[in-house]
């Protein structure tokens, strides 16, 4: 059984961690982890990830 998350799932995990400031940082981390980031494109996805990053960083600051 493959328990490794998809690149999309991992991107949202990283965004929710509050440790990243941008989608580009998340893409770089995914590449280092060996993920194919080709599917991580588009304005809607980038917007969702930026929102998740912002929310997580605000929560972390509290």
N, C-alpha and C. Protein backbone atom coordinates (compact mmCIF):
# COMPACT_ATOMS: atom_id res chain seq x y z
N UNK A 1 0.85 -1.19 0.00
CA UNK A 1 0.00 0.00 0.00
C UNK A 1 0.89 1.25 0.00
N UNK A 2 0.57 2.20 -0.85
CA UNK A 2 1.33 3.44 -0.95
C UNK A 2 0.72 4.48 -0.02
N UNK A 3 1.47 4.85 1.01
CA UNK A 3 0.97 5.82 1.98
C UNK A 3 1.53 7.21 1.77
N UNK A 4 2.35 7.38 0.75
CA UNK A 4 2.92 8.69 0.46
C UNK A 4 1.81 9.58 -0.10
N UNK A 5 1.73 10.81 0.38
CA UNK A 5 0.69 11.71 -0.14
C UNK A 5 1.00 12.11 -1.59
N UNK A 6 -0.02 12.59 -2.26
CA UNK A 6 0.19 13.13 -3.60
C UNK A 6 0.90 14.48 -3.46
N UNK A 7 1.49 15.00 -4.54
CA UNK A 7 2.11 16.32 -4.45
C UNK A 7 1.14 17.39 -3.98
N UNK A 8 -0.09 17.31 -4.43
CA UNK A 8 -1.10 18.29 -4.03
C UNK A 8 -1.39 18.20 -2.53
N UNK A 9 -1.57 16.98 -2.04
CA UNK A 9 -1.81 16.80 -0.61
C UNK A 9 -0.63 17.31 0.21
N UNK A 10 0.57 16.98 -0.23
CA UNK A 10 1.77 17.41 0.49
C UNK A 10 1.92 18.93 0.47
N UNK A 11 1.57 19.54 -0.66
CA UNK A 11 1.63 21.01 -0.75
C UNK A 11 0.74 21.65 0.30
N UNK A 12 -0.47 21.12 0.47
CA UNK A 12 -1.38 21.69 1.47
C UNK A 12 -0.91 21.38 2.89
N UNK A 13 -0.27 20.22 3.09
CA UNK A 13 0.31 19.93 4.41
C UNK A 13 1.38 20.96 4.75
N UNK A 14 2.25 21.23 3.78
CA UNK A 14 3.32 22.20 4.01
C UNK A 14 2.76 23.60 4.23
N UNK A 15 1.76 23.98 3.45
CA UNK A 15 1.14 25.30 3.61
C UNK A 15 0.52 25.43 5.00
N UNK A 16 -0.10 24.36 5.47
CA UNK A 16 -0.77 24.39 6.78
C UNK A 16 0.22 24.39 7.94
N UNK A 17 1.47 24.07 7.66
CA UNK A 17 2.46 24.01 8.74
C UNK A 17 2.83 25.39 9.27
N UNK A 18 2.65 26.42 8.44
CA UNK A 18 3.03 27.76 8.85
C UNK A 18 4.51 28.04 8.72
N UNK A 19 5.26 27.11 8.16
CA UNK A 19 6.71 27.24 8.03
C UNK A 19 7.17 27.85 6.72
N UNK A 20 6.26 28.08 5.82
CA UNK A 20 6.61 28.58 4.48
C UNK A 20 5.91 29.91 4.22
N UNK A 21 6.62 30.78 3.50
CA UNK A 21 6.08 32.11 3.23
C UNK A 21 5.51 32.26 1.83
N UNK A 22 5.77 31.28 0.95
CA UNK A 22 5.29 31.42 -0.42
C UNK A 22 5.08 30.06 -1.07
N UNK A 23 4.33 30.10 -2.16
CA UNK A 23 4.09 28.89 -2.94
C UNK A 23 5.40 28.42 -3.56
N UNK A 24 6.26 29.34 -3.95
CA UNK A 24 7.56 28.96 -4.52
C UNK A 24 8.40 28.19 -3.51
N UNK A 25 8.36 28.60 -2.25
CA UNK A 25 9.10 27.87 -1.21
C UNK A 25 8.54 26.45 -1.06
N UNK A 26 7.24 26.32 -1.14
CA UNK A 26 6.62 24.99 -1.04
C UNK A 26 7.01 24.14 -2.23
N UNK A 27 6.98 24.70 -3.43
CA UNK A 27 7.39 23.95 -4.63
C UNK A 27 8.84 23.48 -4.50
N UNK A 28 9.71 24.35 -4.01
CA UNK A 28 11.11 23.97 -3.83
C UNK A 28 11.25 22.82 -2.84
N UNK A 29 10.51 22.88 -1.75
CA UNK A 29 10.55 21.80 -0.75
C UNK A 29 10.05 20.49 -1.36
N UNK A 30 8.97 20.56 -2.11
CA UNK A 30 8.43 19.36 -2.75
C UNK A 30 9.45 18.74 -3.69
N UNK A 31 10.13 19.56 -4.46
CA UNK A 31 11.17 19.06 -5.37
C UNK A 31 12.28 18.36 -4.58
N UNK A 32 12.69 18.96 -3.45
CA UNK A 32 13.73 18.33 -2.62
C UNK A 32 13.26 16.99 -2.07
N UNK A 33 11.95 16.88 -1.83
CA UNK A 33 11.39 15.63 -1.31
C UNK A 33 11.14 14.61 -2.42
N UNK A 34 11.41 14.99 -3.66
CA UNK A 34 11.27 14.05 -4.77
C UNK A 34 9.91 14.03 -5.44
N UNK A 35 9.09 15.02 -5.17
CA UNK A 35 7.78 15.09 -5.80
C UNK A 35 7.86 15.76 -7.16
N UNK A 36 6.98 15.37 -8.06
CA UNK A 36 6.83 16.02 -9.35
C UNK A 36 5.82 17.15 -9.14
N UNK A 37 6.26 18.38 -9.35
CA UNK A 37 5.40 19.53 -9.07
C UNK A 37 4.68 20.04 -10.32
N UNK A 38 4.72 19.27 -11.39
CA UNK A 38 4.10 19.70 -12.65
C UNK A 38 2.61 19.99 -12.51
N UNK A 39 1.92 19.27 -11.64
CA UNK A 39 0.48 19.49 -11.49
C UNK A 39 0.15 20.67 -10.58
N UNK A 40 1.14 21.25 -9.95
CA UNK A 40 0.90 22.36 -9.04
C UNK A 40 0.99 23.69 -9.77
N UNK A 41 0.04 23.91 -10.64
CA UNK A 41 -0.01 25.13 -11.43
C UNK A 41 -1.42 25.71 -11.39
N UNK A 42 -1.53 26.93 -11.81
CA UNK A 42 -2.83 27.56 -11.92
C UNK A 42 -3.07 28.59 -10.84
N UNK A 43 -3.82 29.60 -11.23
CA UNK A 43 -4.10 30.70 -10.30
C UNK A 43 -4.94 30.28 -9.12
N UNK A 44 -5.93 29.43 -9.37
CA UNK A 44 -6.82 29.02 -8.28
C UNK A 44 -6.05 28.25 -7.22
N UNK A 45 -5.25 27.30 -7.64
CA UNK A 45 -4.47 26.52 -6.69
C UNK A 45 -3.49 27.41 -5.93
N UNK A 46 -2.79 28.28 -6.64
CA UNK A 46 -1.85 29.18 -5.98
C UNK A 46 -2.57 30.06 -4.96
N UNK A 47 -3.75 30.53 -5.31
CA UNK A 47 -4.53 31.35 -4.40
C UNK A 47 -4.92 30.56 -3.15
N UNK A 48 -5.34 29.32 -3.34
CA UNK A 48 -5.72 28.48 -2.20
C UNK A 48 -4.52 28.22 -1.29
N UNK A 49 -3.38 27.94 -1.89
CA UNK A 49 -2.18 27.71 -1.09
C UNK A 49 -1.75 28.97 -0.35
N UNK A 50 -1.80 30.12 -1.04
CA UNK A 50 -1.44 31.38 -0.37
C UNK A 50 -2.37 31.65 0.81
N UNK A 51 -3.64 31.39 0.63
CA UNK A 51 -4.60 31.57 1.73
C UNK A 51 -4.25 30.65 2.90
N UNK A 52 -3.94 29.39 2.60
CA UNK A 52 -3.59 28.43 3.65
C UNK A 52 -2.31 28.87 4.36
N UNK A 53 -1.34 29.34 3.61
CA UNK A 53 -0.08 29.83 4.20
C UNK A 53 -0.37 30.99 5.14
N UNK A 54 -1.15 31.95 4.66
CA UNK A 54 -1.46 33.14 5.46
C UNK A 54 -2.18 32.75 6.75
N UNK A 55 -3.17 31.89 6.64
CA UNK A 55 -3.93 31.47 7.81
C UNK A 55 -3.04 30.74 8.82
N UNK A 56 -2.21 29.85 8.32
CA UNK A 56 -1.34 29.09 9.21
C UNK A 56 -0.33 29.99 9.91
N UNK A 57 0.22 30.96 9.20
CA UNK A 57 1.19 31.88 9.80
C UNK A 57 0.52 32.77 10.83
N UNK A 58 -0.72 33.19 10.57
CA UNK A 58 -1.46 33.98 11.56
C UNK A 58 -1.75 33.16 12.80
N UNK A 59 -2.17 31.91 12.61
CA UNK A 59 -2.46 31.03 13.74
C UNK A 59 -1.19 30.77 14.56
N UNK A 60 -0.10 30.61 13.87
CA UNK A 60 1.18 30.33 14.53
C UNK A 60 1.66 31.54 15.35
N UNK A 61 1.34 32.75 14.88
CA UNK A 61 1.77 33.96 15.56
C UNK A 61 0.99 34.22 16.86
N UNK A 62 -0.14 33.59 17.00
CA UNK A 62 -0.97 33.80 18.20
C UNK A 62 -0.45 33.09 19.40
